Amino acid sequence: MSCEPTPPSNFSRAILETAGSSIDLFKAALAIAADQYPNLDESKYDRQIDSISAHVKSRIDGLTSPEARLTAINSVLFEELRFAGNTRNYFDPRNSYLNEVIDRRTGIPITLSVIYIEIAKRVGVSLEGVGMPFHFLVKHSGEADIFADIFIDPFNAGKLMDRSDCAALLDKLSGGSVSLLPEHLEAVSPAQILIRMLANLAGIYIRQSDFDKALRFVDNILLIDPICAPYVRDKALLLGALGRWKLAATAYERYVRLAPGAADAETVKDRLAEMRRDRARLN
């Protein structure tokens, strides 16, 4: 039996339909939710975003400066519609499902950012995701001058920030343990955003000891990036937690092949040897 990822159909279809082309971030993020909510009407949420975008468009027409256009988006999303970061129950899994975020108008930084980026795209404002440690952001690029970049924090009512603001935020969130590096503010691809969303969900369900559900999200990560060694290792760990030892051993073997120089490679090899001895005794 193969240890290749076998993701649920909705997300699989959303990714495979974009093979060889750019991923539709909003569609793929909704597909993550559709796997959890089988009766989800994805077109309903597409229409809702269209309606919000039309309202935003009426507010930004005639505005030329990036700051003015972003302020108009913020006015609609956070003042009129009252989208907000969920500070009360940050680890509620509903914060990671786009349908729930749209319905409840609350979420975590990355899901609110996906909605923000999609609405901006539909009104002609080009934005990118920024995978800063501890806190996902959105960026309006300052073209040739990186110091003209504007960073947006959809979790905090779309606050507009510069690089020094981002450094202060990271310092606060990390308790001073992480200093801002240039790469922390680089734009990330839709695939990287989806992987971070899926990793968040896997982590939530691991904390709940729902290893079967966590495994589904790790499998979806491996659908996007089949040779991402850390998630191959995570798959092995989850299969072991579920008692699926043969598949766990196969995944561990793959991890060692993908990352022979990993810090834990020898530990994993020892674990594999132990599993083989146990299997031999059972046979």
C-alpha atoms as a PDB file:
ATOM      1  CA  MET A   1       0.000   0.000   0.000  1.00  0.00           C
ATOM      2  CA  SER A   2       1.401   3.388  -0.997  1.00  0.00           C
ATOM      3  CA  CYS A   3       2.192   6.084   1.553  1.00  0.00           C
ATOM      4  CA  GLU A   4       1.554   8.788  -1.029  1.00  0.00           C
ATOM      5  CA  PRO A   5      -0.964  11.373   0.168  1.00  0.00           C
ATOM      6  CA  THR A   6      -4.607  10.570  -0.464  1.00  0.00           C
ATOM      7  CA  PRO A   7      -6.327  13.877   0.277  1.00  0.00           C
ATOM      8  CA  PRO A   8     -10.070  14.379   0.381  1.00  0.00           C
ATOM      9  CA  SER A   9     -11.667  15.015  -2.978  1.00  0.00           C
ATOM     10  CA  ASN A  10     -12.520  18.725  -2.727  1.00  0.00           C
ATOM     11  CA  PHE A  11      -9.022  19.941  -1.977  1.00  0.00           C
ATOM     12  CA  SER A  12      -7.463  17.414  -4.331  1.00  0.00           C
ATOM     13  CA  ARG A  13      -9.626  18.672  -7.169  1.00  0.00           C
ATOM     14  CA  ALA A  14      -8.883  22.326  -6.407  1.00  0.00           C
ATOM     15  CA  ILE A  15      -5.133  21.695  -6.531  1.00  0.00           C
ATOM     16  CA  LEU A  16      -5.094  19.311  -9.489  1.00  0.00           C
ATOM     17  CA  GLU A  17      -7.241  21.657 -11.567  1.00  0.00           C
ATOM     18  CA  THR A  18      -4.485  24.268 -11.275  1.00  0.00           C
ATOM     19  CA  ALA A  19      -1.607  21.890 -12.066  1.00  0.00           C
ATOM     20  CA  GLY A  20       0.824  23.742 -14.308  1.00  0.00           C
ATOM     21  CA  SER A  21      -0.768  27.106 -13.587  1.00  0.00           C
ATOM     22  CA  SER A  22      -1.099  29.420 -10.623  1.00  0.00           C
ATOM     23  CA  ILE A  23      -3.206  28.215  -7.713  1.00  0.00           C
ATOM     24  CA  ASP A  24      -6.476  30.050  -7.122  1.00  0.00           C
ATOM     25  CA  LEU A  25      -5.877  30.815  -3.446  1.00  0.00           C
ATOM     26  CA  PHE A  26      -9.462  31.668  -2.533  1.00  0.00           C
ATOM     27  CA  LYS A  27     -10.897  28.620  -4.309  1.00  0.00           C
ATOM     28  CA  ALA A  28      -8.341  26.276  -2.747  1.00  0.00           C
ATOM     29  CA  ALA A  29      -8.864  27.760   0.725  1.00  0.00           C
ATOM     30  CA  LEU A  30     -12.618  27.223   0.353  1.00  0.00           C
ATOM     31  CA  ALA A  31     -11.917  23.650  -0.737  1.00  0.00           C
ATOM     32  CA  ILE A  32     -10.142  23.044   2.585  1.00  0.00           C
ATOM     33  CA  ALA A  33     -13.389  24.055   4.278  1.00  0.00           C
ATOM     34  CA  ALA A  34     -15.505  21.979   1.883  1.00  0.00           C
ATOM     35  CA  ASP A  35     -13.706  18.838   3.032  1.00  0.00           C
ATOM     36  CA  GLN A  36     -14.834  19.554   6.592  1.00  0.00           C
ATOM     37  CA  TYR A  37     -18.301  20.749   5.541  1.00  0.00           C
ATOM     38  CA  PRO A  38     -19.450  18.339   2.779  1.00  0.00           C
ATOM     39  CA  ASN A  39     -22.607  20.318   1.977  1.00  0.00           C
ATOM     40  CA  LEU A  40     -20.792  23.638   1.700  1.00  0.00           C
ATOM     41  CA  ASP A  41     -22.003  25.738  -1.236  1.00  0.00           C
ATOM     42  CA  GLU A  42     -18.747  27.252  -2.465  1.00  0.00           C
ATOM     43  CA  SER A  43     -20.575  29.463  -4.976  1.00  0.00           C
ATOM     44  CA  LYS A  44     -22.479  31.097  -2.112  1.00  0.00           C
ATOM     45  CA  TYR A  45     -19.241  32.367  -0.580  1.00  0.00           C
ATOM     46  CA  ASP A  46     -17.893  33.418  -3.947  1.00  0.00           C
ATOM     47  CA  ARG A  47     -21.031  35.543  -4.406  1.00  0.00           C
ATOM     48  CA  GLN A  48     -20.618  37.049  -0.936  1.00  0.00           C
ATOM     49  CA  ILE A  49     -17.058  38.083  -1.709  1.00  0.00           C
ATOM     50  CA  ASP A  50     -18.258  39.492  -5.026  1.00  0.00           C
ATOM     51  CA  SER A  51     -20.872  41.553  -3.203  1.00  0.00           C
ATOM     52  CA  ILE A  52     -18.349  42.880  -0.679  1.00  0.00           C
ATOM     53  CA  SER A  53     -15.922  43.637  -3.512  1.00  0.00           C
ATOM     54  CA  ALA A  54     -18.566  45.611  -5.400  1.00  0.00           C
ATOM     55  CA  HIS A  55     -19.168  47.713  -2.297  1.00  0.00           C
ATOM     56  CA  VAL A  56     -15.437  48.265  -1.850  1.00  0.00           C
ATOM     57  CA  LYS A  57     -15.120  49.200  -5.529  1.00  0.00           C
ATOM     58  CA  SER A  58     -17.686  51.955  -5.097  1.00  0.00           C
ATOM     59  CA  ARG A  59     -15.596  53.345  -2.249  1.00  0.00           C
ATOM     60  CA  ILE A  60     -12.187  53.291  -3.944  1.00  0.00           C
ATOM     61  CA  ASP A  61     -13.175  54.639  -7.363  1.00  0.00           C
ATOM     62  CA  GLY A  62     -11.237  57.839  -7.889  1.00  0.00           C
ATOM     63  CA  LEU A  63      -8.692  57.085  -5.165  1.00  0.00           C
ATOM     64  CA  THR A  64      -5.146  56.812  -6.448  1.00  0.00           C
ATOM     65  CA  SER A  65      -2.767  56.493  -3.508  1.00  0.00           C
ATOM     66  CA  PRO A  66      -2.237  52.986  -2.077  1.00  0.00           C
ATOM     67  CA  GLU A  67      -2.859  54.242   1.450  1.00  0.00           C
ATOM     68  CA  ALA A  68      -6.219  55.754   0.497  1.00  0.00           C
ATOM     69  CA  ARG A  69      -7.339  52.601  -1.316  1.00  0.00           C
ATOM     70  CA  LEU A  70      -6.289  50.346   1.546  1.00  0.00           C
ATOM     71  CA  THR A  71      -8.036  52.628   4.037  1.00  0.00           C
ATOM     72  CA  ALA A  72     -11.218  52.326   1.974  1.00  0.00           C
ATOM     73  CA  ILE A  73     -10.976  48.512   2.018  1.00  0.00           C
ATOM     74  CA  ASN A  74     -10.460  48.659   5.789  1.00  0.00           C
ATOM     75  CA  SER A  75     -13.458  50.911   6.232  1.00  0.00           C
ATOM     76  CA  VAL A  76     -15.768  48.402   4.542  1.00  0.00           C
ATOM     77  CA  LEU A  77     -14.337  45.213   6.036  1.00  0.00           C
ATOM     78  CA  PHE A  78     -13.605  46.255   9.593  1.00  0.00           C
ATOM     79  CA  GLU A  79     -15.876  49.232  10.293  1.00  0.00           C
ATOM     80  CA  GLU A  80     -19.003  48.438   8.287  1.00  0.00           C
ATOM     81  CA  LEU A  81     -18.920  44.629   8.163  1.00  0.00           C
ATOM     82  CA  ARG A  82     -17.056  44.253  11.469  1.00  0.00           C
ATOM     83  CA  PHE A  83     -14.628  41.524  10.480  1.00  0.00           C
ATOM     84  CA  ALA A  84     -12.192  41.050  13.371  1.00  0.00           C
ATOM     85  CA  GLY A  85      -9.478  38.824  14.712  1.00  0.00           C
ATOM     86  CA  ASN A  86     -10.678  36.154  17.101  1.00  0.00           C
ATOM     87  CA  THR A  87      -8.690  37.025  20.211  1.00  0.00           C
ATOM     88  CA  ARG A  88     -11.044  35.185  22.568  1.00  0.00           C
ATOM     89  CA  ASN A  89     -10.720  31.711  21.049  1.00  0.00           C
ATOM     90  CA  TYR A  90      -7.725  31.863  18.740  1.00  0.00           C
ATOM     91  CA  PHE A  91      -7.326  28.070  18.402  1.00  0.00           C
ATOM     92  CA  ASP A  92     -10.957  27.353  17.535  1.00  0.00           C
ATOM     93  CA  PRO A  93     -10.649  25.346  14.276  1.00  0.00           C
ATOM     94  CA  ARG A  94     -13.503  27.366  12.795  1.00  0.00           C
ATOM     95  CA  ASN A  95     -11.066  30.282  12.528  1.00  0.00           C
ATOM     96  CA  SER A  96      -9.206  28.294   9.873  1.00  0.00           C
ATOM     97  CA  TYR A  97     -12.207  27.438   7.673  1.00  0.00           C
ATOM     98  CA  LEU A  98     -13.025  30.209   5.219  1.00  0.00           C
ATOM     99  CA  ASN A  99     -16.794  29.658   5.245  1.00  0.00           C
ATOM    100  CA  GLU A 100     -16.871  30.021   9.030  1.00  0.00           C
ATOM    101  CA  VAL A 101     -14.698  33.132   8.895  1.00  0.00           C
ATOM    102  CA  ILE A 102     -17.031  34.752   6.370  1.00  0.00           C
ATOM    103  CA  ASP A 103     -20.180  33.680   8.253  1.00  0.00           C
ATOM    104  CA  ARG A 104     -18.912  34.637  11.708  1.00  0.00           C
ATOM    105  CA  ARG A 105     -16.741  37.543  10.515  1.00  0.00           C
ATOM    106  CA  THR A 106     -13.886  36.476  12.725  1.00  0.00           C
ATOM    107  CA  GLY A 107     -10.752  34.446  12.167  1.00  0.00           C
ATOM    108  CA  ILE A 108      -7.007  34.229  12.565  1.00  0.00           C
ATOM    109  CA  PRO A 109      -4.433  36.327  10.684  1.00  0.00           C
ATOM    110  CA  ILE A 110      -4.004  33.980   7.726  1.00  0.00           C
ATOM    111  CA  THR A 111      -7.679  33.391   6.927  1.00  0.00           C
ATOM    112  CA  LEU A 112      -8.546  37.066   7.288  1.00  0.00           C
ATOM    113  CA  SER A 113      -5.571  37.796   5.022  1.00  0.00           C
ATOM    114  CA  VAL A 114      -6.848  35.377   2.347  1.00  0.00           C
ATOM    115  CA  ILE A 115     -10.192  37.202   2.315  1.00  0.00           C
ATOM    116  CA  TYR A 116      -8.467  40.592   2.264  1.00  0.00           C
ATOM    117  CA  ILE A 117      -6.198  39.603  -0.647  1.00  0.00           C
ATOM    118  CA  GLU A 118      -9.132  38.202  -2.634  1.00  0.00           C
ATOM    119  CA  ILE A 119     -11.311  41.290  -2.196  1.00  0.00           C
ATOM    120  CA  ALA A 120      -8.393  43.553  -3.107  1.00  0.00           C
ATOM    121  CA  LYS A 121      -7.740  41.455  -6.218  1.00  0.00           C
ATOM    122  CA  ARG A 122     -11.358  41.794  -7.340  1.00  0.00           C
ATOM    123  CA  VAL A 123     -11.178  45.592  -7.093  1.00  0.00           C
ATOM    124  CA  GLY A 124      -7.835  45.862  -8.876  1.00  0.00           C
ATOM    125  CA  VAL A 125      -5.482  46.203  -5.904  1.00  0.00           C
ATOM    126  CA  SER A 126      -2.575  43.776  -6.049  1.00  0.00           C
ATOM    127  CA  LEU A 127      -1.517  42.417  -2.658  1.00  0.00           C
ATOM    128  CA  GLU A 128       0.614  39.515  -1.467  1.00  0.00           C
ATOM    129  CA  GLY A 129       0.767  37.398   1.634  1.00  0.00           C
ATOM    130  CA  VAL A 130       3.696  37.741   4.044  1.00  0.00           C
ATOM    131  CA  GLY A 131       4.559  34.745   6.210  1.00  0.00           C
ATOM    132  CA  MET A 132       6.138  36.616   9.111  1.00  0.00           C
ATOM    133  CA  PRO A 133       6.832  34.315  12.081  1.00  0.00           C
ATOM    134  CA  PHE A 134       3.993  34.222  14.638  1.00  0.00           C
ATOM    135  CA  HIS A 135       1.695  36.468  12.607  1.00  0.00           C
ATOM    136  CA  PHE A 136       0.605  36.424   8.964  1.00  0.00           C
ATOM    137  CA  LEU A 137       0.420  39.785   7.180  1.00  0.00           C
ATOM    138  CA  VAL A 138      -0.450  41.257   3.790  1.00  0.00           C
ATOM    139  CA  LYS A 139       1.814  43.465   1.717  1.00  0.00           C
ATOM    140  CA  HIS A 140       1.357  46.177  -0.889  1.00  0.00           C
ATOM    141  CA  SER A 141       4.705  46.260  -2.687  1.00  0.00           C
ATOM    142  CA  GLY A 142       6.413  49.574  -3.198  1.00  0.00           C
ATOM    143  CA  GLU A 143       7.659  48.451  -6.636  1.00  0.00           C
ATOM    144  CA  ALA A 144      11.407  49.164  -6.856  1.00  0.00           C
ATOM    145  CA  ASP A 145      11.653  50.663  -3.361  1.00  0.00           C
ATOM    146  CA  ILE A 146      11.149  48.021  -0.680  1.00  0.00           C
ATOM    147  CA  PHE A 147      11.062  50.730   1.965  1.00  0.00           C
ATOM    148  CA  ALA A 148       7.856  51.961   0.345  1.00  0.00           C
ATOM    149  CA  ASP A 149       6.174  48.618   1.063  1.00  0.00           C
ATOM    150  CA  ILE A 150       2.978  48.898   3.070  1.00  0.00           C
ATOM    151  CA  PHE A 151       2.111  46.033   5.397  1.00  0.00           C
ATOM    152  CA  ILE A 152      -1.466  45.339   6.417  1.00  0.00           C
ATOM    153  CA  ASP A 153      -2.584  43.437   9.507  1.00  0.00           C
ATOM    154  CA  PRO A 154      -6.127  42.119   8.828  1.00  0.00           C
ATOM    155  CA  PHE A 155      -6.191  40.545  12.297  1.00  0.00           C
ATOM    156  CA  ASN A 156      -5.963  44.033  13.787  1.00  0.00           C
ATOM    157  CA  ALA A 157      -8.541  45.920  11.737  1.00  0.00           C
ATOM    158  CA  GLY A 158      -6.255  46.261   8.715  1.00  0.00           C
ATOM    159  CA  LYS A 159      -3.653  48.358  10.511  1.00  0.00           C
ATOM    160  CA  LEU A 160      -1.188  49.828   8.018  1.00  0.00           C
ATOM    161  CA  MET A 161       2.436  49.340   9.014  1.00  0.00           C
ATOM    162  CA  ASP A 162       5.985  49.889   7.815  1.00  0.00           C
ATOM    163  CA  ARG A 163       9.015  47.679   8.445  1.00  0.00           C
ATOM    164  CA  SER A 164       9.755  49.139  11.848  1.00  0.00           C
ATOM    165  CA  ASP A 165       6.167  48.458  12.920  1.00  0.00           C
ATOM    166  CA  CYS A 166       6.548  44.838  11.787  1.00  0.00           C
ATOM    167  CA  ALA A 167       9.776  44.541  13.770  1.00  0.00           C
ATOM    168  CA  ALA A 168       8.045  45.860  16.882  1.00  0.00           C
ATOM    169  CA  LEU A 169       5.124  43.450  16.406  1.00  0.00           C
ATOM    170  CA  LEU A 170       7.417  40.448  15.987  1.00  0.00           C
ATOM    171  CA  ASP A 171       9.432  41.472  19.034  1.00  0.00           C
ATOM    172  CA  LYS A 172       6.236  41.666  21.090  1.00  0.00           C
ATOM    173  CA  LEU A 173       4.809  38.363  19.850  1.00  0.00           C
ATOM    174  CA  SER A 174       8.068  36.465  20.291  1.00  0.00           C
ATOM    175  CA  GLY A 175       8.832  37.969  23.680  1.00  0.00           C
ATOM    176  CA  GLY A 176      12.016  39.394  22.228  1.00  0.00           C
ATOM    177  CA  SER A 177      13.315  35.983  21.139  1.00  0.00           C
ATOM    178  CA  VAL A 178      13.070  36.587  17.372  1.00  0.00           C
ATOM    179  CA  SER A 179      14.470  39.580  15.521  1.00  0.00           C
ATOM    180  CA  LEU A 180      13.012  40.614  12.203  1.00  0.00           C
ATOM    181  CA  LEU A 181      15.042  39.529   9.170  1.00  0.00           C
ATOM    182  CA  PRO A 182      14.518  40.739   5.583  1.00  0.00           C
ATOM    183  CA  GLU A 183      13.220  37.314   4.517  1.00  0.00           C
ATOM    184  CA  HIS A 184      10.464  37.493   7.131  1.00  0.00           C
ATOM    185  CA  LEU A 185       8.769  40.195   5.058  1.00  0.00           C
ATOM    186  CA  GLU A 186       9.156  38.578   1.653  1.00  0.00           C
ATOM    187  CA  ALA A 187       6.004  37.690  -0.253  1.00  0.00           C
ATOM    188  CA  VAL A 188       4.911  34.057  -0.125  1.00  0.00           C
ATOM    189  CA  SER A 189       3.180  32.083  -2.863  1.00  0.00           C
ATOM    190  CA  PRO A 190      -0.416  30.815  -2.735  1.00  0.00           C
ATOM    191  CA  ALA A 191       0.994  27.298  -2.251  1.00  0.00           C
ATOM    192  CA  GLN A 192       2.958  28.459   0.797  1.00  0.00           C
ATOM    193  CA  ILE A 193      -0.133  30.153   2.214  1.00  0.00           C
ATOM    194  CA  LEU A 194      -2.169  26.964   1.815  1.00  0.00           C
ATOM    195  CA  ILE A 195       0.567  24.892   3.458  1.00  0.00           C
ATOM    196  CA  ARG A 196       0.572  27.257   6.437  1.00  0.00           C
ATOM    197  CA  MET A 197      -3.228  27.032   6.697  1.00  0.00           C
ATOM    198  CA  LEU A 198      -3.128  23.242   6.554  1.00  0.00           C
ATOM    199  CA  ALA A 199      -0.272  23.096   9.075  1.00  0.00           C
ATOM    200  CA  ASN A 200      -2.294  25.283  11.461  1.00  0.00           C
ATOM    201  CA  LEU A 201      -5.222  22.870  11.216  1.00  0.00           C
ATOM    202  CA  ALA A 202      -3.000  19.814  11.637  1.00  0.00           C
ATOM    203  CA  GLY A 203      -1.523  21.397  14.767  1.00  0.00           C
ATOM    204  CA  ILE A 204      -4.970  22.158  16.199  1.00  0.00           C
ATOM    205  CA  TYR A 205      -6.146  18.572  15.744  1.00  0.00           C
ATOM    206  CA  ILE A 206      -2.893  17.139  17.105  1.00  0.00           C
ATOM    207  CA  ARG A 207      -3.501  19.187  20.271  1.00  0.00           C
ATOM    208  CA  GLN A 208      -6.973  17.628  20.393  1.00  0.00           C
ATOM    209  CA  SER A 209      -5.446  14.137  19.871  1.00  0.00           C
ATOM    210  CA  ASP A 210      -7.499  13.749  16.693  1.00  0.00           C
ATOM    211  CA  PHE A 211      -4.624  12.174  14.789  1.00  0.00           C
ATOM    212  CA  ASP A 212      -6.745  10.832  11.951  1.00  0.00           C
ATOM    213  CA  LYS A 213      -7.988  14.314  11.078  1.00  0.00           C
ATOM    214  CA  ALA A 214      -4.507  15.796  11.505  1.00  0.00           C
ATOM    215  CA  LEU A 215      -3.162  13.173   9.093  1.00  0.00           C
ATOM    216  CA  ARG A 216      -5.632  14.299   6.428  1.00  0.00           C
ATOM    217  CA  PHE A 217      -4.239  17.839   6.603  1.00  0.00           C
ATOM    218  CA  VAL A 218      -0.632  16.625   6.469  1.00  0.00           C
ATOM    219  CA  ASP A 219      -1.578  14.532   3.414  1.00  0.00           C
ATOM    220  CA  ASN A 220      -2.971  17.676   1.800  1.00  0.00           C
ATOM    221  CA  ILE A 221       0.304  19.488   2.466  1.00  0.00           C
ATOM    222  CA  LEU A 222       2.124  16.636   0.718  1.00  0.00           C
ATOM    223  CA  LEU A 223      -0.243  16.961  -2.217  1.00  0.00           C
ATOM    224  CA  ILE A 224       1.091  20.482  -2.706  1.00  0.00           C
ATOM    225  CA  ASP A 225       4.717  19.621  -1.903  1.00  0.00           C
ATOM    226  CA  PRO A 226       5.286  15.840  -2.057  1.00  0.00           C
ATOM    227  CA  ILE A 227       8.976  16.044  -1.115  1.00  0.00           C
ATOM    228  CA  CYS A 228       8.680  18.322   1.903  1.00  0.00           C
ATOM    229  CA  ALA A 229      10.692  16.167   4.327  1.00  0.00           C
ATOM    230  CA  PRO A 230       9.423  17.626   7.646  1.00  0.00           C
ATOM    231  CA  TYR A 231       5.829  16.817   6.712  1.00  0.00           C
ATOM    232  CA  VAL A 232       6.800  13.330   5.528  1.00  0.00           C
ATOM    233  CA  ARG A 233       8.228  12.854   9.039  1.00  0.00           C
ATOM    234  CA  ASP A 234       5.037  14.281  10.575  1.00  0.00           C
ATOM    235  CA  LYS A 235       3.023  11.829   8.504  1.00  0.00           C
ATOM    236  CA  ALA A 236       5.123   8.965   9.867  1.00  0.00           C
ATOM    237  CA  LEU A 237       4.600  10.170  13.437  1.00  0.00           C
ATOM    238  CA  LEU A 238       0.834  10.427  12.953  1.00  0.00           C
ATOM    239  CA  LEU A 239       0.610   7.001  11.330  1.00  0.00           C
ATOM    240  CA  GLY A 240       2.519   5.607  14.300  1.00  0.00           C
ATOM    241  CA  ALA A 241       0.141   7.325  16.717  1.00  0.00           C
ATOM    242  CA  LEU A 242      -2.719   5.652  14.851  1.00  0.00           C
ATOM    243  CA  GLY A 243      -1.056   2.240  15.093  1.00  0.00           C
ATOM    244  CA  ARG A 244      -0.521   1.962  11.347  1.00  0.00           C
ATOM    245  CA  TRP A 245       3.034   0.718  11.766  1.00  0.00           C
ATOM    246  CA  LYS A 246       3.723  -0.589   8.262  1.00  0.00           C
ATOM    247  CA  LEU A 247       2.739   2.713   6.664  1.00  0.00           C
ATOM    248  CA  ALA A 248       4.607   4.624   9.363  1.00  0.00           C
ATOM    249  CA  ALA A 249       7.779   2.671   8.602  1.00  0.00           C
ATOM    250  CA  THR A 250       7.408   3.372   4.877  1.00  0.00           C
ATOM    251  CA  ALA A 251       6.987   7.088   5.591  1.00  0.00           C
ATOM    252  CA  TYR A 252      10.017   7.098   7.914  1.00  0.00           C
ATOM    253  CA  GLU A 253      12.086   5.411   5.191  1.00  0.00           C
ATOM    254  CA  ARG A 254      11.019   8.088   2.752  1.00  0.00           C
ATOM    255  CA  TYR A 255      11.918  10.813   5.205  1.00  0.00           C
ATOM    256  CA  VAL A 256      15.439   9.446   5.617  1.00  0.00           C
ATOM    257  CA  ARG A 257      15.845   9.300   1.837  1.00  0.00           C
ATOM    258  CA  LEU A 258      14.644  12.887   1.456  1.00  0.00           C
ATOM    259  CA  ALA A 259      16.671  14.303   4.352  1.00  0.00           C
ATOM    260  CA  PRO A 260      19.675  12.044   5.001  1.00  0.00           C
ATOM    261  CA  GLY A 261      21.523  14.856   6.744  1.00  0.00           C
ATOM    262  CA  ALA A 262      18.669  15.894   9.029  1.00  0.00           C
ATOM    263  CA  ALA A 263      19.520  16.364  12.690  1.00  0.00           C
ATOM    264  CA  ASP A 264      17.130  13.580  13.648  1.00  0.00           C
ATOM    265  CA  ALA A 265      18.047  11.191  10.804  1.00  0.00           C
ATOM    266  CA  GLU A 266      19.952   8.808  13.081  1.00  0.00           C
ATOM    267  CA  THR A 267      17.140   8.821  15.626  1.00  0.00           C
ATOM    268  CA  VAL A 268      14.663   7.977  12.882  1.00  0.00           C
ATOM    269  CA  LYS A 269      16.907   5.164  11.620  1.00  0.00           C
ATOM    270  CA  ASP A 270      17.034   3.736  15.142  1.00  0.00           C
ATOM    271  CA  ARG A 271      13.256   3.965  15.342  1.00  0.00           C
ATOM    272  CA  LEU A 272      12.959   2.154  12.003  1.00  0.00           C
ATOM    273  CA  ALA A 273      15.257  -0.625  13.191  1.00  0.00           C
ATOM    274  CA  GLU A 274      13.144  -0.990  16.333  1.00  0.00           C
ATOM    275  CA  MET A 275       9.944  -1.166  14.263  1.00  0.00           C
ATOM    276  CA  ARG A 276      11.464  -3.834  12.009  1.00  0.00           C
ATOM    277  CA  ARG A 277      12.499  -5.900  15.046  1.00  0.00           C
ATOM    278  CA  ASP A 278       9.000  -5.593  16.497  1.00  0.00           C
ATOM    279  CA  ARG A 279       7.472  -6.631  13.163  1.00  0.00           C
ATOM    280  CA  ALA A 280       9.830  -9.633  12.941  1.00  0.00           C
ATOM    281  CA  ARG A 281       8.791 -10.791  16.419  1.00  0.00           C
ATOM    282  CA  LEU A 282       5.114 -10.483  15.491  1.00  0.00           C
ATOM    283  CA  ASN A 283       5.684 -12.540  12.376  1.00  0.00           C
END
